[in-house]
Amino acid sequence: MTFAFAPARTLARLVFSRRTTVPTLALCATLGAGMLTLYPTPAAAGEKVQGSQVTILGRTWIVSPVGDGTGRYRAERLNRKLEAFRPPAMISARQAERAYKAATGCTVRRDSMLRTISGVYYADLVCRSR
């Protein structure tokens, strides 16, 4: 038994056991419907995305401002080959930090950096005037 299929088997045992109740089936139906309606991000769908496109260690990133010029930016790594289990060239947070620097010339406030479940990074940038 592989680890990836363990939750599915547990769910199947729960659904097809003799003690199955209506709330359990309703929960399974809700979770199943939720998994089918996941929306891809615009960059993953191959649509044109606004922002600067930079390449860091062979990976393509799109860096764009968020909101109304508050200094908050988002960085998203494109996965054009759709390789789900590709090895990272380095930790993706460091790649995102380099992408911010290459696209804007500003440094990242590391304590403000946030990664969503879809892999998009959000961070506040500090641009020093010289």
N, C-alpha and C. Protein backbone atom coordinates (compact mmCIF):
# COMPACT_ATOMS: atom_id res chain seq x y z
N MET A 1 0.85 -1.17 0.00
CA MET A 1 0.00 0.00 0.00
C MET A 1 0.89 1.23 0.00
N THR A 2 0.68 2.08 -0.97
CA THR A 2 1.46 3.31 -1.03
C THR A 2 0.79 4.37 -0.19
N PHE A 3 1.57 5.34 0.22
CA PHE A 3 1.06 6.39 1.08
C PHE A 3 0.04 7.28 0.36
N ALA A 4 0.22 7.45 -0.95
CA ALA A 4 -0.66 8.34 -1.69
C ALA A 4 -2.09 7.83 -1.74
N PHE A 5 -2.29 6.51 -1.67
CA PHE A 5 -3.63 5.96 -1.77
C PHE A 5 -4.24 5.64 -0.42
N ALA A 6 -3.52 5.84 0.65
CA ALA A 6 -4.05 5.53 1.98
C ALA A 6 -5.30 6.33 2.31
N PRO A 7 -5.37 7.66 2.07
CA PRO A 7 -6.60 8.39 2.38
C PRO A 7 -7.79 7.91 1.55
N ALA A 8 -7.55 7.54 0.29
CA ALA A 8 -8.64 7.07 -0.55
C ALA A 8 -9.18 5.75 -0.03
N ARG A 9 -8.32 4.86 0.41
CA ARG A 9 -8.78 3.58 0.95
C ARG A 9 -9.53 3.78 2.25
N THR A 10 -9.05 4.68 3.08
CA THR A 10 -9.74 4.97 4.33
C THR A 10 -11.13 5.52 4.04
N LEU A 11 -11.23 6.40 3.07
CA LEU A 11 -12.52 6.97 2.70
C LEU A 11 -13.44 5.89 2.14
N ALA A 12 -12.90 4.98 1.34
CA ALA A 12 -13.71 3.90 0.78
C ALA A 12 -14.23 2.98 1.89
N ARG A 13 -13.37 2.68 2.86
CA ARG A 13 -13.82 1.85 3.99
C ARG A 13 -14.92 2.55 4.76
N LEU A 14 -14.81 3.84 4.93
CA LEU A 14 -15.80 4.61 5.66
C LEU A 14 -17.13 4.62 4.93
N VAL A 15 -17.08 4.81 3.62
CA VAL A 15 -18.31 4.91 2.82
C VAL A 15 -19.00 3.56 2.70
N PHE A 16 -18.23 2.49 2.52
CA PHE A 16 -18.84 1.19 2.26
C PHE A 16 -18.95 0.29 3.48
N SER A 17 -18.74 0.84 4.66
CA SER A 17 -18.90 0.02 5.87
C SER A 17 -20.39 -0.12 6.20
N ARG A 18 -20.71 -1.06 7.05
CA ARG A 18 -22.11 -1.31 7.41
C ARG A 18 -22.66 -0.21 8.30
N ARG A 19 -21.78 0.50 8.97
CA ARG A 19 -22.23 1.55 9.89
C ARG A 19 -22.27 2.92 9.22
N THR A 20 -22.39 2.96 7.90
CA THR A 20 -22.41 4.23 7.17
C THR A 20 -23.71 4.97 7.49
N THR A 21 -23.56 6.24 7.76
CA THR A 21 -24.73 7.06 8.06
C THR A 21 -24.91 8.11 6.97
N VAL A 22 -26.04 8.73 6.98
CA VAL A 22 -26.34 9.77 5.98
C VAL A 22 -25.39 10.95 6.10
N PRO A 23 -25.05 11.43 7.30
CA PRO A 23 -24.10 12.55 7.37
C PRO A 23 -22.72 12.20 6.80
N THR A 24 -22.30 10.95 6.98
CA THR A 24 -21.01 10.54 6.43
C THR A 24 -21.04 10.57 4.90
N LEU A 25 -22.11 10.05 4.33
CA LEU A 25 -22.24 10.07 2.87
C LEU A 25 -22.34 11.50 2.35
N ALA A 26 -23.04 12.36 3.08
CA ALA A 26 -23.15 13.76 2.67
C ALA A 26 -21.78 14.44 2.70
N LEU A 27 -21.00 14.15 3.72
CA LEU A 27 -19.65 14.71 3.82
C LEU A 27 -18.78 14.25 2.66
N CYS A 28 -18.85 12.97 2.33
CA CYS A 28 -18.06 12.44 1.22
C CYS A 28 -18.49 13.06 -0.10
N ALA A 29 -19.78 13.23 -0.29
CA ALA A 29 -20.27 13.85 -1.53
C ALA A 29 -19.82 15.30 -1.64
N THR A 30 -19.85 16.02 -0.53
CA THR A 30 -19.42 17.41 -0.53
C THR A 30 -17.93 17.53 -0.84
N LEU A 31 -17.12 16.68 -0.20
CA LEU A 31 -15.68 16.72 -0.47
C LEU A 31 -15.37 16.33 -1.90
N GLY A 32 -16.08 15.34 -2.42
CA GLY A 32 -15.86 14.92 -3.81
C GLY A 32 -16.22 16.01 -4.79
N ALA A 33 -17.34 16.69 -4.55
CA ALA A 33 -17.75 17.78 -5.43
C ALA A 33 -16.76 18.94 -5.34
N GLY A 34 -16.24 19.19 -4.15
CA GLY A 34 -15.26 20.26 -3.98
C GLY A 34 -13.97 19.98 -4.70
N MET A 35 -13.56 18.73 -4.75
CA MET A 35 -12.32 18.37 -5.45
C MET A 35 -12.48 18.50 -6.96
N LEU A 36 -13.69 18.33 -7.47
CA LEU A 36 -13.91 18.43 -8.90
C LEU A 36 -13.97 19.87 -9.39
N THR A 37 -14.24 20.81 -8.49
CA THR A 37 -14.41 22.19 -8.90
C THR A 37 -13.21 23.07 -8.57
N LEU A 38 -12.03 22.48 -8.47
CA LEU A 38 -10.83 23.27 -8.24
C LEU A 38 -10.47 24.03 -9.51
N TYR A 39 -10.23 25.32 -9.39
CA TYR A 39 -9.93 26.14 -10.54
C TYR A 39 -8.42 26.35 -10.64
N PRO A 40 -7.85 26.18 -11.82
CA PRO A 40 -6.42 26.43 -11.96
C PRO A 40 -6.14 27.92 -11.96
N THR A 41 -4.93 28.28 -11.61
CA THR A 41 -4.54 29.68 -11.66
C THR A 41 -4.38 30.09 -13.12
N PRO A 42 -4.49 31.37 -13.45
CA PRO A 42 -4.36 31.79 -14.85
C PRO A 42 -3.04 31.38 -15.48
N ALA A 43 -1.95 31.42 -14.72
CA ALA A 43 -0.66 31.04 -15.28
C ALA A 43 -0.61 29.55 -15.58
N ALA A 44 -1.21 28.73 -14.73
CA ALA A 44 -1.22 27.30 -14.97
C ALA A 44 -2.11 26.94 -16.15
N ALA A 45 -3.14 27.74 -16.39
CA ALA A 45 -4.04 27.48 -17.51
C ALA A 45 -3.45 27.95 -18.83
N GLY A 46 -2.32 28.64 -18.80
CA GLY A 46 -1.66 29.09 -20.02
C GLY A 46 -2.19 30.41 -20.55
N GLU A 47 -2.98 31.12 -19.75
CA GLU A 47 -3.50 32.41 -20.18
C GLU A 47 -2.44 33.48 -20.04
N LYS A 48 -2.66 34.60 -20.71
CA LYS A 48 -1.75 35.74 -20.62
C LYS A 48 -1.91 36.39 -19.25
N VAL A 49 -0.81 36.53 -18.53
CA VAL A 49 -0.83 37.09 -17.19
C VAL A 49 -0.07 38.40 -17.19
N GLN A 50 -0.62 39.41 -16.52
CA GLN A 50 0.03 40.70 -16.41
C GLN A 50 1.18 40.60 -15.42
N GLY A 51 2.30 41.24 -15.74
CA GLY A 51 3.42 41.26 -14.82
C GLY A 51 4.73 41.01 -15.56
N SER A 52 5.81 41.01 -14.80
CA SER A 52 7.14 40.76 -15.36
C SER A 52 7.44 39.28 -15.34
N GLN A 53 7.99 38.79 -16.42
CA GLN A 53 8.35 37.39 -16.51
C GLN A 53 9.87 37.29 -16.43
N VAL A 54 10.36 36.51 -15.45
CA VAL A 54 11.80 36.34 -15.26
C VAL A 54 12.10 34.85 -15.17
N THR A 55 13.34 34.50 -15.46
CA THR A 55 13.78 33.11 -15.37
C THR A 55 14.84 32.99 -14.29
N ILE A 56 14.58 32.12 -13.34
CA ILE A 56 15.50 31.88 -12.23
C ILE A 56 15.84 30.40 -12.23
N LEU A 57 17.13 30.07 -12.44
CA LEU A 57 17.62 28.70 -12.45
C LEU A 57 16.81 27.80 -13.38
N GLY A 58 16.45 28.33 -14.55
CA GLY A 58 15.72 27.56 -15.53
C GLY A 58 14.23 27.48 -15.29
N ARG A 59 13.73 28.11 -14.25
CA ARG A 59 12.30 28.12 -13.95
C ARG A 59 11.75 29.50 -14.27
N THR A 60 10.58 29.56 -14.89
CA THR A 60 9.97 30.82 -15.28
C THR A 60 9.02 31.28 -14.18
N TRP A 61 9.18 32.53 -13.77
CA TRP A 61 8.35 33.14 -12.73
C TRP A 61 7.65 34.36 -13.31
N ILE A 62 6.44 34.64 -12.84
CA ILE A 62 5.73 35.86 -13.18
C ILE A 62 5.55 36.65 -11.90
N VAL A 63 6.07 37.87 -11.89
CA VAL A 63 5.99 38.75 -10.73
C VAL A 63 5.09 39.92 -11.09
N SER A 64 4.08 40.16 -10.27
CA SER A 64 3.15 41.26 -10.54
C SER A 64 2.73 41.92 -9.24
N PRO A 65 2.41 43.22 -9.29
CA PRO A 65 1.95 43.91 -8.09
C PRO A 65 0.54 43.46 -7.70
N VAL A 66 0.26 43.53 -6.42
CA VAL A 66 -1.06 43.19 -5.91
C VAL A 66 -1.71 44.46 -5.37
N GLY A 67 -2.93 44.69 -5.74
CA GLY A 67 -3.67 45.81 -5.18
C GLY A 67 -3.29 47.14 -5.80
N ASP A 68 -3.34 48.18 -4.98
CA ASP A 68 -3.20 49.56 -5.45
C ASP A 68 -1.85 50.17 -5.08
N GLY A 69 -0.77 49.50 -5.39
CA GLY A 69 0.55 50.07 -5.19
C GLY A 69 0.99 50.16 -3.75
N THR A 70 0.63 49.20 -2.93
CA THR A 70 1.01 49.22 -1.52
C THR A 70 2.36 48.58 -1.26
N GLY A 71 3.03 48.11 -2.31
CA GLY A 71 4.33 47.47 -2.14
C GLY A 71 4.22 45.97 -1.99
N ARG A 72 3.02 45.43 -2.14
CA ARG A 72 2.78 43.98 -2.05
C ARG A 72 2.82 43.39 -3.46
N TYR A 73 3.59 42.33 -3.64
CA TYR A 73 3.74 41.69 -4.94
C TYR A 73 3.45 40.20 -4.82
N ARG A 74 3.14 39.60 -5.96
CA ARG A 74 2.93 38.15 -6.01
C ARG A 74 3.90 37.57 -7.02
N ALA A 75 4.39 36.37 -6.74
CA ALA A 75 5.28 35.65 -7.65
C ALA A 75 4.73 34.24 -7.83
N GLU A 76 4.61 33.84 -9.08
CA GLU A 76 4.08 32.51 -9.38
C GLU A 76 5.00 31.81 -10.36
N ARG A 77 5.38 30.59 -10.03
CA ARG A 77 6.24 29.81 -10.91
C ARG A 77 5.38 29.06 -11.92
N LEU A 78 5.75 29.19 -13.19
CA LEU A 78 5.02 28.48 -14.24
C LEU A 78 5.52 27.05 -14.33
N ASN A 79 4.60 26.15 -14.60
CA ASN A 79 4.93 24.74 -14.79
C ASN A 79 4.38 24.33 -16.15
N ARG A 80 5.05 24.78 -17.19
CA ARG A 80 4.56 24.55 -18.55
C ARG A 80 4.60 23.09 -18.97
N LYS A 81 5.54 22.32 -18.44
CA LYS A 81 5.64 20.91 -18.82
C LYS A 81 4.69 20.03 -18.01
N LEU A 82 4.04 20.61 -17.00
CA LEU A 82 3.11 19.90 -16.13
C LEU A 82 3.74 18.68 -15.47
N GLU A 83 4.95 18.87 -14.99
CA GLU A 83 5.65 17.82 -14.26
C GLU A 83 5.35 18.00 -12.78
N ALA A 84 4.48 17.18 -12.27
CA ALA A 84 4.03 17.34 -10.89
C ALA A 84 5.13 17.09 -9.87
N PHE A 85 5.98 16.11 -10.11
CA PHE A 85 6.98 15.73 -9.11
C PHE A 85 8.40 16.04 -9.58
N ARG A 86 8.56 17.17 -10.26
CA ARG A 86 9.88 17.55 -10.73
C ARG A 86 10.74 17.97 -9.54
N PRO A 87 12.03 17.70 -9.59
CA PRO A 87 12.88 18.12 -8.48
C PRO A 87 13.12 19.62 -8.55
N PRO A 88 13.06 20.31 -7.43
CA PRO A 88 13.32 21.74 -7.45
C PRO A 88 14.81 22.03 -7.62
N ALA A 89 15.10 23.11 -8.30
CA ALA A 89 16.49 23.51 -8.46
C ALA A 89 17.05 23.98 -7.13
N MET A 90 16.24 24.58 -6.33
CA MET A 90 16.56 24.99 -4.96
C MET A 90 15.23 25.25 -4.26
N ILE A 91 15.25 25.57 -3.03
CA ILE A 91 14.01 25.83 -2.29
C ILE A 91 13.24 26.93 -3.01
N SER A 92 11.93 26.70 -3.21
CA SER A 92 11.15 27.62 -4.03
C SER A 92 11.02 29.01 -3.40
N ALA A 93 11.09 29.11 -2.08
CA ALA A 93 11.03 30.42 -1.44
C ALA A 93 12.25 31.27 -1.83
N ARG A 94 13.39 30.65 -1.93
CA ARG A 94 14.58 31.39 -2.35
C ARG A 94 14.49 31.76 -3.83
N GLN A 95 13.91 30.87 -4.64
CA GLN A 95 13.70 31.20 -6.04
C GLN A 95 12.75 32.38 -6.17
N ALA A 96 11.68 32.39 -5.37
CA ALA A 96 10.72 33.49 -5.41
C ALA A 96 11.39 34.79 -5.00
N GLU A 97 12.24 34.73 -3.99
CA GLU A 97 12.96 35.93 -3.55
C GLU A 97 13.86 36.47 -4.67
N ARG A 98 14.53 35.58 -5.36
CA ARG A 98 15.37 36.01 -6.49
C ARG A 98 14.51 36.55 -7.64
N ALA A 99 13.34 35.98 -7.83
CA ALA A 99 12.44 36.46 -8.89
C ALA A 99 11.95 37.87 -8.59
N TYR A 100 11.61 38.14 -7.33
CA TYR A 100 11.22 39.50 -6.93
C TYR A 100 12.35 40.48 -7.22
N LYS A 101 13.55 40.10 -6.83
CA LYS A 101 14.72 40.98 -7.01
C LYS A 101 15.00 41.23 -8.50
N ALA A 102 14.91 40.16 -9.32
CA ALA A 102 15.19 40.32 -10.75
C ALA A 102 14.12 41.14 -11.46
N ALA A 103 12.87 41.01 -11.04
CA ALA A 103 11.78 41.69 -11.73
C ALA A 103 11.64 43.15 -11.31
N THR A 104 11.89 43.44 -10.03
CA THR A 104 11.64 44.80 -9.53
C THR A 104 12.89 45.54 -9.09
N GLY A 105 13.95 44.82 -8.74
CA GLY A 105 15.14 45.46 -8.22
C GLY A 105 15.03 45.77 -6.74
N CYS A 106 13.96 45.33 -6.11
CA CYS A 106 13.73 45.59 -4.68
C CYS A 106 13.98 44.33 -3.88
N THR A 107 14.23 44.50 -2.58
CA THR A 107 14.45 43.35 -1.70
C THR A 107 13.16 42.97 -1.01
N VAL A 108 13.10 41.70 -0.59
CA VAL A 108 11.90 41.16 0.04
C VAL A 108 11.99 41.29 1.54
N ARG A 109 10.89 41.69 2.16
CA ARG A 109 10.79 41.62 3.62
C ARG A 109 10.42 40.18 3.94
N ARG A 110 11.39 39.39 4.42
CA ARG A 110 11.18 37.96 4.61
C ARG A 110 10.07 37.64 5.60
N ASP A 111 9.87 38.48 6.59
CA ASP A 111 8.82 38.19 7.56
C ASP A 111 7.42 38.40 7.00
N SER A 112 7.32 39.02 5.83
CA SER A 112 6.01 39.23 5.22
C SER A 112 5.71 38.21 4.12
N MET A 113 6.65 37.33 3.84
CA MET A 113 6.49 36.37 2.74
C MET A 113 5.50 35.28 3.12
N LEU A 114 4.58 35.01 2.19
CA LEU A 114 3.51 34.06 2.42
C LEU A 114 3.34 33.19 1.19
N ARG A 115 3.16 31.89 1.38
CA ARG A 115 2.92 30.98 0.25
C ARG A 115 1.53 30.38 0.40
N THR A 116 0.77 30.41 -0.69
CA THR A 116 -0.55 29.80 -0.68
C THR A 116 -0.44 28.32 -1.03
N ILE A 117 -1.54 27.62 -0.90
CA ILE A 117 -1.55 26.19 -1.19
C ILE A 117 -1.30 25.91 -2.66
N SER A 118 -1.58 26.88 -3.53
CA SER A 118 -1.34 26.69 -4.96
C SER A 118 0.10 27.01 -5.36
N GLY A 119 0.92 27.45 -4.42
CA GLY A 119 2.33 27.70 -4.69
C GLY A 119 2.65 29.14 -5.07
N VAL A 120 1.69 30.04 -4.96
CA VAL A 120 1.91 31.45 -5.27
C VAL A 120 2.46 32.14 -4.02
N TYR A 121 3.50 32.93 -4.20
CA TYR A 121 4.11 33.66 -3.09
C TYR A 121 3.63 35.10 -3.10
N TYR A 122 3.36 35.64 -1.91
CA TYR A 122 3.03 37.04 -1.71
C TYR A 122 4.03 37.61 -0.73
N ALA A 123 4.51 38.83 -1.01
CA ALA A 123 5.50 39.45 -0.11
C ALA A 123 5.47 40.96 -0.27
N ASP A 124 5.89 41.64 0.80
CA ASP A 124 6.10 43.08 0.75
C ASP A 124 7.53 43.33 0.32
N LEU A 125 7.72 44.29 -0.56
CA LEU A 125 9.06 44.61 -1.06
C LEU A 125 9.50 45.94 -0.50
N VAL A 126 10.80 46.07 -0.31
CA VAL A 126 11.40 47.30 0.17
C VAL A 126 12.30 47.83 -0.94
N CYS A 127 11.94 48.98 -1.48
CA CYS A 127 12.73 49.60 -2.54
C CYS A 127 13.43 50.83 -1.96
N ARG A 128 14.72 50.79 -1.91
CA ARG A 128 15.49 51.92 -1.37
C ARG A 128 15.88 52.84 -2.51
N SER A 129 15.63 54.10 -2.32
CA SER A 129 16.04 55.09 -3.33
C SER A 129 17.49 55.47 -3.07
N ARG A 130 18.23 55.64 -4.13
CA ARG A 130 19.67 55.93 -3.98
C ARG A 130 19.96 57.35 -4.29
